[in-house]
């Protein structure tokens, strides 16, 4: 499997998710790319088990967000599952789900330091 293609797909999947679009301004620059790189390496270097990968990726995302001061209870499971769908598609040389992610056009307003009145 091509490492760069996987990394790109994981990055797009994470960065286009509603959760990460919502918190992107709170995260330090380059954080999402680093997260995508680490998840890609995990998928490439581990014997694949969907259940184990889902748990690992969810725990990792939650920990990274908490380390950035963002407390999310269960919001990362959907992102982790989307990453696994994209990974499984790539294994099968498909991209239907990934194409839908790329076309996603809904907007979520990022968190900001100013409060609305």
PDB file of N, CA and C in Angstrom:
ATOM      1  N   UNK A   1       0.851  -1.180   0.000  1.00  0.00           N
ATOM      2  CA  UNK A   1       0.000   0.000   0.000  1.00  0.00           C
ATOM      3  C   UNK A   1       0.894   1.240   0.000  1.00  0.00           C
ATOM      4  N   UNK A   2       0.492   2.211  -0.765  1.00  0.00           N
ATOM      5  CA  UNK A   2       1.260   3.448  -0.870  1.00  0.00           C
ATOM      6  C   UNK A   2       1.046   4.308   0.379  1.00  0.00           C
ATOM      7  N   UNK A   3       2.136   4.555   1.084  1.00  0.00           N
ATOM      8  CA  UNK A   3       2.118   5.311   2.347  1.00  0.00           C
ATOM      9  C   UNK A   3       1.561   6.724   2.158  1.00  0.00           C
ATOM     10  N   UNK A   4       1.982   7.394   1.096  1.00  0.00           N
ATOM     11  CA  UNK A   4       1.551   8.781   0.877  1.00  0.00           C
ATOM     12  C   UNK A   4       0.070   8.880   0.518  1.00  0.00           C
ATOM     13  N   UNK A   5      -0.421   7.920  -0.250  1.00  0.00           N
ATOM     14  CA  UNK A   5      -1.852   7.928  -0.577  1.00  0.00           C
ATOM     15  C   UNK A   5      -2.669   7.704   0.680  1.00  0.00           C
ATOM     16  N   UNK A   6      -2.261   6.732   1.495  1.00  0.00           N
ATOM     17  CA  UNK A   6      -2.975   6.481   2.748  1.00  0.00           C
ATOM     18  C   UNK A   6      -2.931   7.716   3.640  1.00  0.00           C
ATOM     19  N   UNK A   7      -1.760   8.307   3.792  1.00  0.00           N
ATOM     20  CA  UNK A   7      -1.621   9.494   4.643  1.00  0.00           C
ATOM     21  C   UNK A   7      -2.525  10.629   4.150  1.00  0.00           C
ATOM     22  N   UNK A   8      -2.560  10.829   2.840  1.00  0.00           N
ATOM     23  CA  UNK A   8      -3.417  11.881   2.272  1.00  0.00           C
ATOM     24  C   UNK A   8      -4.889  11.604   2.569  1.00  0.00           C
ATOM     25  N   UNK A   9      -5.313  10.375   2.377  1.00  0.00           N
ATOM     26  CA  UNK A   9      -6.722  10.037   2.605  1.00  0.00           C
ATOM     27  C   UNK A   9      -7.098  10.162   4.077  1.00  0.00           C
ATOM     28  N   UNK A  10      -6.206   9.749   4.959  1.00  0.00           N
ATOM     29  CA  UNK A  10      -6.479   9.887   6.392  1.00  0.00           C
ATOM     30  C   UNK A  10      -6.539  11.370   6.763  1.00  0.00           C
ATOM     31  N   UNK A  11      -5.618  12.164   6.246  1.00  0.00           N
ATOM     32  CA  UNK A  11      -5.608  13.605   6.518  1.00  0.00           C
ATOM     33  C   UNK A  11      -6.902  14.267   6.041  1.00  0.00           C
ATOM     34  N   UNK A  12      -7.319  13.971   4.840  1.00  0.00           N
ATOM     35  CA  UNK A  12      -8.548  14.561   4.306  1.00  0.00           C
ATOM     36  C   UNK A  12      -9.747  14.117   5.137  1.00  0.00           C
ATOM     37  N   UNK A  13      -9.796  12.840   5.485  1.00  0.00           N
ATOM     38  CA  UNK A  13     -10.917  12.318   6.268  1.00  0.00           C
ATOM     39  C   UNK A  13     -11.019  13.017   7.615  1.00  0.00           C
ATOM     40  N   UNK A  14      -9.895  13.172   8.293  1.00  0.00           N
ATOM     41  CA  UNK A  14      -9.907  13.825   9.605  1.00  0.00           C
ATOM     42  C   UNK A  14     -10.223  15.314   9.467  1.00  0.00           C
ATOM     43  N   UNK A  15      -9.535  15.983   8.560  1.00  0.00           N
ATOM     44  CA  UNK A  15      -9.705  17.437   8.462  1.00  0.00           C
ATOM     45  C   UNK A  15     -11.084  17.844   7.941  1.00  0.00           C
ATOM     46  N   UNK A  16     -11.758  16.989   7.192  1.00  0.00           N
ATOM     47  CA  UNK A  16     -13.101  17.302   6.695  1.00  0.00           C
ATOM     48  C   UNK A  16     -14.192  16.890   7.680  1.00  0.00           C
ATOM     49  N   UNK A  17     -13.832  16.185   8.745  1.00  0.00           N
ATOM     50  CA  UNK A  17     -14.846  15.772   9.721  1.00  0.00           C
ATOM     51  C   UNK A  17     -15.394  17.002  10.438  1.00  0.00           C
ATOM     52  N   UNK A  18     -16.659  16.940  10.792  1.00  0.00           N
ATOM     53  CA  UNK A  18     -17.290  18.068  11.497  1.00  0.00           C
ATOM     54  C   UNK A  18     -16.557  18.396  12.782  1.00  0.00           C
ATOM     55  N   UNK A  19     -16.157  17.366  13.518  1.00  0.00           N
ATOM     56  CA  UNK A  19     -15.464  17.571  14.791  1.00  0.00           C
ATOM     57  C   UNK A  19     -14.186  18.375  14.600  1.00  0.00           C
ATOM     58  N   UNK A  20     -13.339  17.968  13.671  1.00  0.00           N
ATOM     59  CA  UNK A  20     -12.059  18.647  13.513  1.00  0.00           C
ATOM     60  C   UNK A  20     -12.193  19.991  12.814  1.00  0.00           C
ATOM     61  N   UNK A  21     -13.197  20.184  11.963  1.00  0.00           N
ATOM     62  CA  UNK A  21     -13.423  21.516  11.393  1.00  0.00           C
ATOM     63  C   UNK A  21     -13.875  22.469  12.484  1.00  0.00           C
ATOM     64  N   UNK A  22     -14.600  21.946  13.459  1.00  0.00           N
ATOM     65  CA  UNK A  22     -15.101  22.762  14.565  1.00  0.00           C
ATOM     66  C   UNK A  22     -13.976  23.214  15.498  1.00  0.00           C
ATOM     67  N   UNK A  23     -12.975  22.359  15.713  1.00  0.00           N
ATOM     68  CA  UNK A  23     -11.910  22.671  16.681  1.00  0.00           C
ATOM     69  C   UNK A  23     -10.587  23.060  16.033  1.00  0.00           C
ATOM     70  N   UNK A  24     -10.554  23.169  14.708  1.00  0.00           N
ATOM     71  CA  UNK A  24      -9.280  23.383  14.027  1.00  0.00           C
ATOM     72  C   UNK A  24      -8.530  24.635  14.488  1.00  0.00           C
ATOM     73  N   UNK A  25      -9.232  25.703  14.844  1.00  0.00           N
ATOM     74  CA  UNK A  25      -8.552  26.928  15.274  1.00  0.00           C
ATOM     75  C   UNK A  25      -7.977  26.823  16.678  1.00  0.00           C
ATOM     76  N   UNK A  26      -8.404  25.824  17.425  1.00  0.00           N
ATOM     77  CA  UNK A  26      -7.888  25.625  18.775  1.00  0.00           C
ATOM     78  C   UNK A  26      -6.604  24.796  18.740  1.00  0.00           C
ATOM     79  N   UNK A  27      -6.489  23.927  17.754  1.00  0.00           N
ATOM     80  CA  UNK A  27      -5.317  23.055  17.646  1.00  0.00           C
ATOM     81  C   UNK A  27      -4.114  23.826  17.121  1.00  0.00           C
ATOM     82  N   UNK A  28      -2.935  23.429  17.564  1.00  0.00           N
ATOM     83  CA  UNK A  28      -1.721  24.066  17.061  1.00  0.00           C
ATOM     84  C   UNK A  28      -1.539  23.720  15.590  1.00  0.00           C
ATOM     85  N   UNK A  29      -0.872  24.604  14.874  1.00  0.00           N
ATOM     86  CA  UNK A  29      -0.653  24.409  13.448  1.00  0.00           C
ATOM     87  C   UNK A  29       0.102  23.106  13.202  1.00  0.00           C
ATOM     88  N   UNK A  30      -0.358  22.347  12.241  1.00  0.00           N
ATOM     89  CA  UNK A  30       0.287  21.085  11.890  1.00  0.00           C
ATOM     90  C   UNK A  30      -0.174  19.895  12.714  1.00  0.00           C
ATOM     91  N   UNK A  31      -1.038  20.128  13.689  1.00  0.00           N
ATOM     92  CA  UNK A  31      -1.483  19.057  14.590  1.00  0.00           C
ATOM     93  C   UNK A  31      -2.284  17.995  13.844  1.00  0.00           C
ATOM     94  N   UNK A  32      -3.207  18.411  12.982  1.00  0.00           N
ATOM     95  CA  UNK A  32      -4.028  17.446  12.258  1.00  0.00           C
ATOM     96  C   UNK A  32      -3.161  16.612  11.319  1.00  0.00           C
ATOM     97  N   UNK A  33      -2.190  17.223  10.671  1.00  0.00           N
ATOM     98  CA  UNK A  33      -1.288  16.476   9.790  1.00  0.00           C
ATOM     99  C   UNK A  33      -0.472  15.458  10.585  1.00  0.00           C
ATOM    100  N   UNK A  34      -0.022  15.838  11.773  1.00  0.00           N
ATOM    101  CA  UNK A  34       0.737  14.910  12.622  1.00  0.00           C
ATOM    102  C   UNK A  34      -0.144  13.750  13.077  1.00  0.00           C
ATOM    103  N   UNK A  35      -1.384  14.047  13.417  1.00  0.00           N
ATOM    104  CA  UNK A  35      -2.324  13.002  13.821  1.00  0.00           C
ATOM    105  C   UNK A  35      -2.547  12.034  12.660  1.00  0.00           C
ATOM    106  N   UNK A  36      -2.771  12.571  11.469  1.00  0.00           N
ATOM    107  CA  UNK A  36      -2.994  11.729  10.287  1.00  0.00           C
ATOM    108  C   UNK A  36      -1.777  10.857   9.997  1.00  0.00           C
ATOM    109  N   UNK A  37      -0.593  11.420  10.137  1.00  0.00           N
ATOM    110  CA  UNK A  37       0.641  10.664   9.900  1.00  0.00           C
ATOM    111  C   UNK A  37       0.756   9.510  10.891  1.00  0.00           C
ATOM    112  N   UNK A  38       0.494   9.773  12.166  1.00  0.00           N
ATOM    113  CA  UNK A  38       0.602   8.731  13.188  1.00  0.00           C
ATOM    114  C   UNK A  38      -0.432   7.628  12.992  1.00  0.00           C
ATOM    115  N   UNK A  39      -1.647   7.994  12.633  1.00  0.00           N
ATOM    116  CA  UNK A  39      -2.682   6.985  12.380  1.00  0.00           C
ATOM    117  C   UNK A  39      -2.320   6.152  11.153  1.00  0.00           C
ATOM    118  N   UNK A  40      -1.823   6.795  10.112  1.00  0.00           N
ATOM    119  CA  UNK A  40      -1.414   6.076   8.903  1.00  0.00           C
ATOM    120  C   UNK A  40      -0.317   5.069   9.211  1.00  0.00           C
ATOM    121  N   UNK A  41       0.666   5.483   9.986  1.00  0.00           N
ATOM    122  CA  UNK A  41       1.757   4.575  10.355  1.00  0.00           C
ATOM    123  C   UNK A  41       1.236   3.399  11.171  1.00  0.00           C
ATOM    124  N   UNK A  42       0.296   3.667  12.066  1.00  0.00           N
ATOM    125  CA  UNK A  42      -0.303   2.583  12.847  1.00  0.00           C
ATOM    126  C   UNK A  42      -0.972   1.573  11.913  1.00  0.00           C
ATOM    127  N   UNK A  43      -1.762   2.060  10.962  1.00  0.00           N
ATOM    128  CA  UNK A  43      -2.465   1.164  10.046  1.00  0.00           C
ATOM    129  C   UNK A  43      -1.500   0.380   9.164  1.00  0.00           C
ATOM    130  N   UNK A  44      -0.426   1.015   8.741  1.00  0.00           N
ATOM    131  CA  UNK A  44       0.551   0.343   7.885  1.00  0.00           C
ATOM    132  C   UNK A  44       1.392  -0.683   8.639  1.00  0.00           C
ATOM    133  N   UNK A  45       1.646  -0.439   9.907  1.00  0.00           N
ATOM    134  CA  UNK A  45       2.597  -1.269  10.648  1.00  0.00           C
ATOM    135  C   UNK A  45       1.967  -2.258  11.617  1.00  0.00           C
ATOM    136  N   UNK A  46       0.651  -2.316  11.685  1.00  0.00           N
ATOM    137  CA  UNK A  46      -0.022  -3.225  12.612  1.00  0.00           C
ATOM    138  C   UNK A  46      -0.825  -4.251  11.831  1.00  0.00           C
ATOM    139  N   UNK A  47      -0.925  -5.439  12.397  1.00  0.00           N
ATOM    140  CA  UNK A  47      -1.813  -6.439  11.806  1.00  0.00           C
ATOM    141  C   UNK A  47      -3.232  -5.916  11.983  1.00  0.00           C
ATOM    142  N   UNK A  48      -3.974  -5.826  10.885  1.00  0.00           N
ATOM    143  CA  UNK A  48      -5.270  -5.147  10.907  1.00  0.00           C
ATOM    144  C   UNK A  48      -6.363  -5.986  11.551  1.00  0.00           C
ATOM    145  N   UNK A  49      -6.977  -5.399  12.545  1.00  0.00           N
ATOM    146  CA  UNK A  49      -8.198  -5.898  13.170  1.00  0.00           C
ATOM    147  C   UNK A  49      -9.084  -4.670  13.327  1.00  0.00           C
ATOM    148  N   UNK A  50     -10.246  -4.679  12.700  1.00  0.00           N
ATOM    149  CA  UNK A  50     -11.105  -3.494  12.703  1.00  0.00           C
ATOM    150  C   UNK A  50     -11.441  -3.050  14.121  1.00  0.00           C
ATOM    151  N   UNK A  51     -11.799  -4.004  14.973  1.00  0.00           N
ATOM    152  CA  UNK A  51     -12.178  -3.658  16.347  1.00  0.00           C
ATOM    153  C   UNK A  51     -11.006  -3.047  17.116  1.00  0.00           C
ATOM    154  N   UNK A  52      -9.842  -3.665  17.000  1.00  0.00           N
ATOM    155  CA  UNK A  52      -8.661  -3.155  17.704  1.00  0.00           C
ATOM    156  C   UNK A  52      -8.234  -1.794  17.145  1.00  0.00           C
ATOM    157  N   UNK A  53      -8.271  -1.655  15.819  1.00  0.00           N
ATOM    158  CA  UNK A  53      -7.891  -0.385  15.193  1.00  0.00           C
ATOM    159  C   UNK A  53      -8.858   0.729  15.582  1.00  0.00           C
ATOM    160  N   UNK A  54     -10.149   0.416  15.626  1.00  0.00           N
ATOM    161  CA  UNK A  54     -11.143   1.414  16.018  1.00  0.00           C
ATOM    162  C   UNK A  54     -10.880   1.907  17.437  1.00  0.00           C
ATOM    163  N   UNK A  55     -10.623   0.983  18.347  1.00  0.00           N
ATOM    164  CA  UNK A  55     -10.321   1.360  19.731  1.00  0.00           C
ATOM    165  C   UNK A  55      -9.054   2.181  19.836  1.00  0.00           C
ATOM    166  N   UNK A  56      -8.009   1.746  19.131  1.00  0.00           N
ATOM    167  CA  UNK A  56      -6.724   2.448  19.181  1.00  0.00           C
ATOM    168  C   UNK A  56      -6.852   3.870  18.629  1.00  0.00           C
ATOM    169  N   UNK A  57      -7.475   4.001  17.463  1.00  0.00           N
ATOM    170  CA  UNK A  57      -7.592   5.314  16.826  1.00  0.00           C
ATOM    171  C   UNK A  57      -8.482   6.237  17.652  1.00  0.00           C
ATOM    172  N   UNK A  58      -9.589   5.721  18.163  1.00  0.00           N
ATOM    173  CA  UNK A  58     -10.477   6.538  19.008  1.00  0.00           C
ATOM    174  C   UNK A  58      -9.742   7.032  20.248  1.00  0.00           C
ATOM    175  N   UNK A  59      -9.034   6.122  20.919  1.00  0.00           N
ATOM    176  CA  UNK A  59      -8.272   6.504  22.115  1.00  0.00           C
ATOM    177  C   UNK A  59      -7.206   7.539  21.780  1.00  0.00           C
ATOM    178  N   UNK A  60      -6.508   7.331  20.663  1.00  0.00           N
ATOM    179  CA  UNK A  60      -5.456   8.251  20.247  1.00  0.00           C
ATOM    180  C   UNK A  60      -6.025   9.646  19.949  1.00  0.00           C
ATOM    181  N   UNK A  61      -7.119   9.700  19.189  1.00  0.00           N
ATOM    182  CA  UNK A  61      -7.729  10.996  18.867  1.00  0.00           C
ATOM    183  C   UNK A  61      -8.194  11.715  20.125  1.00  0.00           C
ATOM    184  N   UNK A  62      -8.837  10.978  21.015  1.00  0.00           N
ATOM    185  CA  UNK A  62      -9.317  11.576  22.265  1.00  0.00           C
ATOM    186  C   UNK A  62      -8.152  12.129  23.087  1.00  0.00           C
ATOM    187  N   UNK A  63      -7.074  11.364  23.159  1.00  0.00           N
ATOM    188  CA  UNK A  63      -5.896  11.800  23.922  1.00  0.00           C
ATOM    189  C   UNK A  63      -5.267  13.047  23.309  1.00  0.00           C
ATOM    190  N   UNK A  64      -5.142  13.070  21.987  1.00  0.00           N
ATOM    191  CA  UNK A  64      -4.552  14.231  21.319  1.00  0.00           C
ATOM    192  C   UNK A  64      -5.405  15.484  21.518  1.00  0.00           C
ATOM    193  N   UNK A  65      -6.713  15.330  21.461  1.00  0.00           N
ATOM    194  CA  UNK A  65      -7.593  16.481  21.692  1.00  0.00           C
ATOM    195  C   UNK A  65      -7.503  16.949  23.139  1.00  0.00           C
ATOM    196  N   UNK A  66      -7.494  16.012  24.080  1.00  0.00           N
ATOM    197  CA  UNK A  66      -7.367  16.378  25.496  1.00  0.00           C
ATOM    198  C   UNK A  66      -6.042  17.080  25.760  1.00  0.00           C
ATOM    199  N   UNK A  67      -4.967  16.623  25.114  1.00  0.00           N
ATOM    200  CA  UNK A  67      -3.662  17.271  25.270  1.00  0.00           C
ATOM    201  C   UNK A  67      -3.674  18.700  24.727  1.00  0.00           C
ATOM    202  N   UNK A  68      -4.619  18.986  23.837  1.00  0.00           N
ATOM    203  CA  UNK A  68      -4.770  20.334  23.285  1.00  0.00           C
ATOM    204  C   UNK A  68      -5.815  21.148  24.040  1.00  0.00           C
ATOM    205  N   UNK A  69      -6.306  20.602  25.149  1.00  0.00           N
ATOM    206  CA  UNK A  69      -7.269  21.322  25.970  1.00  0.00           C
ATOM    207  C   UNK A  69      -8.716  21.166  25.537  1.00  0.00           C
ATOM    208  N   UNK A  70      -8.994  20.161  24.716  1.00  0.00           N
ATOM    209  CA  UNK A  70     -10.355  19.932  24.227  1.00  0.00           C
ATOM    210  C   UNK A  70     -10.856  18.632  24.834  1.00  0.00           C
ATOM    211  N   UNK A  71     -11.904  18.729  25.643  1.00  0.00           N
ATOM    212  CA  UNK A  71     -12.442  17.549  26.319  1.00  0.00           C
ATOM    213  C   UNK A  71     -13.637  17.021  25.537  1.00  0.00           C
ATOM    214  N   UNK A  72     -13.449  15.905  24.880  1.00  0.00           N
ATOM    215  CA  UNK A  72     -14.492  15.275  24.075  1.00  0.00           C
ATOM    216  C   UNK A  72     -14.794  13.917  24.690  1.00  0.00           C
ATOM    217  N   UNK A  73     -16.061  13.654  24.967  1.00  0.00           N
ATOM    218  CA  UNK A  73     -16.445  12.371  25.564  1.00  0.00           C
ATOM    219  C   UNK A  73     -16.428  11.253  24.523  1.00  0.00           C
ATOM    220  N   UNK A  74     -17.370  11.259  23.597  1.00  0.00           N
ATOM    221  CA  UNK A  74     -17.500  10.178  22.626  1.00  0.00           C
ATOM    222  C   UNK A  74     -17.463  10.667  21.186  1.00  0.00           C
ATOM    223  N   UNK A  75     -17.024  11.863  20.956  1.00  0.00           N
ATOM    224  CA  UNK A  75     -17.087  12.453  19.629  1.00  0.00           C
ATOM    225  C   UNK A  75     -16.102  11.937  18.613  1.00  0.00           C
ATOM    226  N   UNK A  76     -15.131  11.153  19.031  1.00  0.00           N
ATOM    227  CA  UNK A  76     -14.085  10.727  18.108  1.00  0.00           C
ATOM    228  C   UNK A  76     -14.375   9.398  17.427  1.00  0.00           C
ATOM    229  N   UNK A  77     -15.325   8.632  17.932  1.00  0.00           N
ATOM    230  CA  UNK A  77     -15.584   7.311  17.361  1.00  0.00           C
ATOM    231  C   UNK A  77     -16.008   7.381  15.897  1.00  0.00           C
ATOM    232  N   UNK A  78     -16.822   8.366  15.547  1.00  0.00           N
ATOM    233  CA  UNK A  78     -17.256   8.522  14.162  1.00  0.00           C
ATOM    234  C   UNK A  78     -16.100   8.853  13.237  1.00  0.00           C
ATOM    235  N   UNK A  79     -15.181   9.680  13.703  1.00  0.00           N
ATOM    236  CA  UNK A  79     -14.004  10.030  12.906  1.00  0.00           C
ATOM    237  C   UNK A  79     -13.131   8.793  12.724  1.00  0.00           C
ATOM    238  N   UNK A  80     -12.929   8.038  13.793  1.00  0.00           N
ATOM    239  CA  UNK A  80     -12.115   6.822  13.719  1.00  0.00           C
ATOM    240  C   UNK A  80     -12.734   5.820  12.751  1.00  0.00           C
ATOM    241  N   UNK A  81     -14.036   5.663  12.802  1.00  0.00           N
ATOM    242  CA  UNK A  81     -14.724   4.733  11.911  1.00  0.00           C
ATOM    243  C   UNK A  81     -14.606   5.182  10.457  1.00  0.00           C
ATOM    244  N   UNK A  82     -14.717   6.475  10.206  1.00  0.00           N
ATOM    245  CA  UNK A  82     -14.553   6.999   8.844  1.00  0.00           C
ATOM    246  C   UNK A  82     -13.150   6.718   8.320  1.00  0.00           C
ATOM    247  N   UNK A  83     -12.140   6.881   9.171  1.00  0.00           N
ATOM    248  CA  UNK A  83     -10.757   6.583   8.778  1.00  0.00           C
ATOM    249  C   UNK A  83     -10.638   5.113   8.385  1.00  0.00           C
ATOM    250  N   UNK A  84     -11.262   4.238   9.154  1.00  0.00           N
ATOM    251  CA  UNK A  84     -11.193   2.807   8.842  1.00  0.00           C
ATOM    252  C   UNK A  84     -11.931   2.475   7.546  1.00  0.00           C
ATOM    253  N   UNK A  85     -13.054   3.123   7.281  1.00  0.00           N
ATOM    254  CA  UNK A  85     -13.752   2.915   6.006  1.00  0.00           C
ATOM    255  C   UNK A  85     -12.851   3.311   4.839  1.00  0.00           C
ATOM    256  N   UNK A  86     -12.185   4.443   4.966  1.00  0.00           N
ATOM    257  CA  UNK A  86     -11.288   4.920   3.914  1.00  0.00           C
ATOM    258  C   UNK A  86     -10.112   3.956   3.738  1.00  0.00           C
ATOM    259  N   UNK A  87      -9.563   3.472   4.838  1.00  0.00           N
ATOM    260  CA  UNK A  87      -8.458   2.510   4.792  1.00  0.00           C
ATOM    261  C   UNK A  87      -8.899   1.217   4.098  1.00  0.00           C
ATOM    262  N   UNK A  88     -10.050   0.698   4.478  1.00  0.00           N
ATOM    263  CA  UNK A  88     -10.542  -0.543   3.877  1.00  0.00           C
ATOM    264  C   UNK A  88     -10.827  -0.365   2.388  1.00  0.00           C
ATOM    265  N   UNK A  89     -11.342   0.791   2.004  1.00  0.00           N
ATOM    266  CA  UNK A  89     -11.546   1.089   0.585  1.00  0.00           C
ATOM    267  C   UNK A  89     -10.226   1.067  -0.166  1.00  0.00           C
ATOM    268  N   UNK A  90      -9.216   1.655   0.405  1.00  0.00           N
ATOM    269  CA  UNK A  90      -7.909   1.700  -0.244  1.00  0.00           C
ATOM    270  C   UNK A  90      -7.358   0.289  -0.423  1.00  0.00           C
ATOM    271  N   UNK A  91      -7.580  -0.581   0.553  1.00  0.00           N
ATOM    272  CA  UNK A  91      -7.151  -1.977   0.431  1.00  0.00           C
ATOM    273  C   UNK A  91      -7.826  -2.662  -0.757  1.00  0.00           C
ATOM    274  N   UNK A  92      -9.046  -2.246  -1.057  1.00  0.00           N
ATOM    275  CA  UNK A  92      -9.827  -2.841  -2.145  1.00  0.00           C
ATOM    276  C   UNK A  92      -9.740  -2.027  -3.440  1.00  0.00           C
ATOM    277  N   UNK A  93      -8.838  -1.050  -3.492  1.00  0.00           N
ATOM    278  CA  UNK A  93      -8.668  -0.168  -4.656  1.00  0.00           C
ATOM    279  C   UNK A  93      -9.963   0.542  -5.032  1.00  0.00           C
ATOM    280  N   UNK A  94     -10.690   0.984  -4.038  1.00  0.00           N
ATOM    281  CA  UNK A  94     -11.924   1.731  -4.255  1.00  0.00           C
ATOM    282  C   UNK A  94     -11.799   3.100  -3.597  1.00  0.00           C
ATOM    283  N   UNK A  95     -12.728   3.988  -3.935  1.00  0.00           N
ATOM    284  CA  UNK A  95     -12.681   5.314  -3.307  1.00  0.00           C
ATOM    285  C   UNK A  95     -14.056   5.973  -3.239  1.00  0.00           C
ATOM    286  N   UNK A  96     -15.113   5.188  -3.239  1.00  0.00           N
ATOM    287  CA  UNK A  96     -16.468   5.743  -3.228  1.00  0.00           C
ATOM    288  C   UNK A  96     -16.729   6.574  -1.969  1.00  0.00           C
ATOM    289  N   UNK A  97     -16.455   6.016  -0.799  1.00  0.00           N
ATOM    290  CA  UNK A  97     -16.665   6.727   0.463  1.00  0.00           C
ATOM    291  C   UNK A  97     -15.736   7.933   0.560  1.00  0.00           C
ATOM    292  N   UNK A  98     -14.469   7.740   0.187  1.00  0.00           N
ATOM    293  CA  UNK A  98     -13.500   8.833   0.234  1.00  0.00           C
ATOM    294  C   UNK A  98     -13.923   9.976  -0.688  1.00  0.00           C
ATOM    295  N   UNK A  99     -14.451   9.654  -1.863  1.00  0.00           N
ATOM    296  CA  UNK A  99     -14.915  10.694  -2.792  1.00  0.00           C
ATOM    297  C   UNK A  99     -16.037  11.518  -2.181  1.00  0.00           C
ATOM    298  N   UNK A 100     -16.922  10.853  -1.446  1.00  0.00           N
ATOM    299  CA  UNK A 100     -18.008  11.577  -0.783  1.00  0.00           C
ATOM    300  C   UNK A 100     -17.456  12.524   0.281  1.00  0.00           C
ATOM    301  N   UNK A 101     -16.420  12.092   0.983  1.00  0.00           N
ATOM    302  CA  UNK A 101     -15.792  12.950   1.996  1.00  0.00           C
ATOM    303  C   UNK A 101     -15.195  14.184   1.329  1.00  0.00           C
ATOM    304  N   UNK A 102     -14.511  13.978   0.205  1.00  0.00           N
ATOM    305  CA  UNK A 102     -13.896  15.102  -0.498  1.00  0.00           C
ATOM    306  C   UNK A 102     -14.931  16.107  -0.988  1.00  0.00           C
ATOM    307  N   UNK A 103     -16.099  15.634  -1.325  1.00  0.00           N
ATOM    308  CA  UNK A 103     -17.151  16.510  -1.842  1.00  0.00           C
ATOM    309  C   UNK A 103     -17.934  17.211  -0.740  1.00  0.00           C
ATOM    310  N   UNK A 104     -17.693  16.828   0.493  1.00  0.00           N
ATOM    311  CA  UNK A 104     -18.455  17.374   1.621  1.00  0.00           C
ATOM    312  C   UNK A 104     -18.378  18.901   1.598  1.00  0.00           C
ATOM    313  N   UNK A 105     -19.539  19.533   1.616  1.00  0.00           N
ATOM    314  CA  UNK A 105     -19.529  20.992   1.473  1.00  0.00           C
ATOM    315  C   UNK A 105     -20.146  21.728   2.652  1.00  0.00           C
ATOM    316  N   UNK A 106     -20.711  21.007   3.625  1.00  0.00           N
ATOM    317  CA  UNK A 106     -21.315  21.708   4.755  1.00  0.00           C
ATOM    318  C   UNK A 106     -20.244  22.398   5.571  1.00  0.00           C
ATOM    319  N   UNK A 107     -20.590  23.528   6.112  1.00  0.00           N
ATOM    320  CA  UNK A 107     -19.643  24.321   6.887  1.00  0.00           C
ATOM    321  C   UNK A 107     -19.961  24.252   8.369  1.00  0.00           C
ATOM    322  N   UNK A 108     -18.929  24.179   9.179  1.00  0.00           N
ATOM    323  CA  UNK A 108     -19.058  24.256  10.628  1.00  0.00           C
ATOM    324  C   UNK A 108     -18.195  25.418  11.064  1.00  0.00           C
ATOM    325  N   UNK A 109     -18.732  26.296  11.867  1.00  0.00           N
ATOM    326  CA  UNK A 109     -17.978  27.450  12.334  1.00  0.00           C
ATOM    327  C   UNK A 109     -16.949  27.008  13.363  1.00  0.00           C
ATOM    328  N   UNK A 110     -15.654  27.281  13.130  1.00  0.00           N
ATOM    329  CA  UNK A 110     -14.624  26.916  14.108  1.00  0.00           C
ATOM    330  C   UNK A 110     -14.799  27.676  15.420  1.00  0.00           C
ATOM    331  N   UNK A 111     -14.325  27.082  16.500  1.00  0.00           N
ATOM    332  CA  UNK A 111     -14.332  27.769  17.789  1.00  0.00           C
ATOM    333  C   UNK A 111     -13.434  28.989  17.699  1.00  0.00           C
ATOM    334  N   UNK A 112     -13.806  30.041  18.386  1.00  0.00           N
ATOM    335  CA  UNK A 112     -12.945  31.220  18.420  1.00  0.00           C
ATOM    336  C   UNK A 112     -12.861  31.718  19.851  1.00  0.00           C
ATOM    337  N   UNK A 113     -11.949  32.624  20.079  1.00  0.00           N
ATOM    338  CA  UNK A 113     -11.761  33.178  21.415  1.00  0.00           C
ATOM    339  C   UNK A 113     -12.825  34.208  21.769  1.00  0.00           C
ATOM    340  N   UNK A 114     -13.495  34.754  20.771  1.00  0.00           N
ATOM    341  CA  UNK A 114     -14.504  35.779  21.051  1.00  0.00           C
ATOM    342  C   UNK A 114     -15.875  35.132  21.218  1.00  0.00           C
ATOM    343  N   UNK A 115     -16.664  35.722  22.099  1.00  0.00           N
ATOM    344  CA  UNK A 115     -18.013  35.220  22.333  1.00  0.00           C
ATOM    345  C   UNK A 115     -18.993  36.025  21.511  1.00  0.00           C
ATOM    346  N   UNK A 116     -20.025  35.329  21.001  1.00  0.00           N
ATOM    347  CA  UNK A 116     -21.059  36.036  20.251  1.00  0.00           C
ATOM    348  C   UNK A 116     -22.053  36.636  21.220  1.00  0.00           C
ATOM    349  N   UNK A 117     -22.606  37.780  20.861  1.00  0.00           N
ATOM    350  CA  UNK A 117     -23.585  38.451  21.725  1.00  0.00           C
ATOM    351  C   UNK A 117     -24.967  38.319  21.157  1.00  0.00           C
TER     352      UNK A 117
END
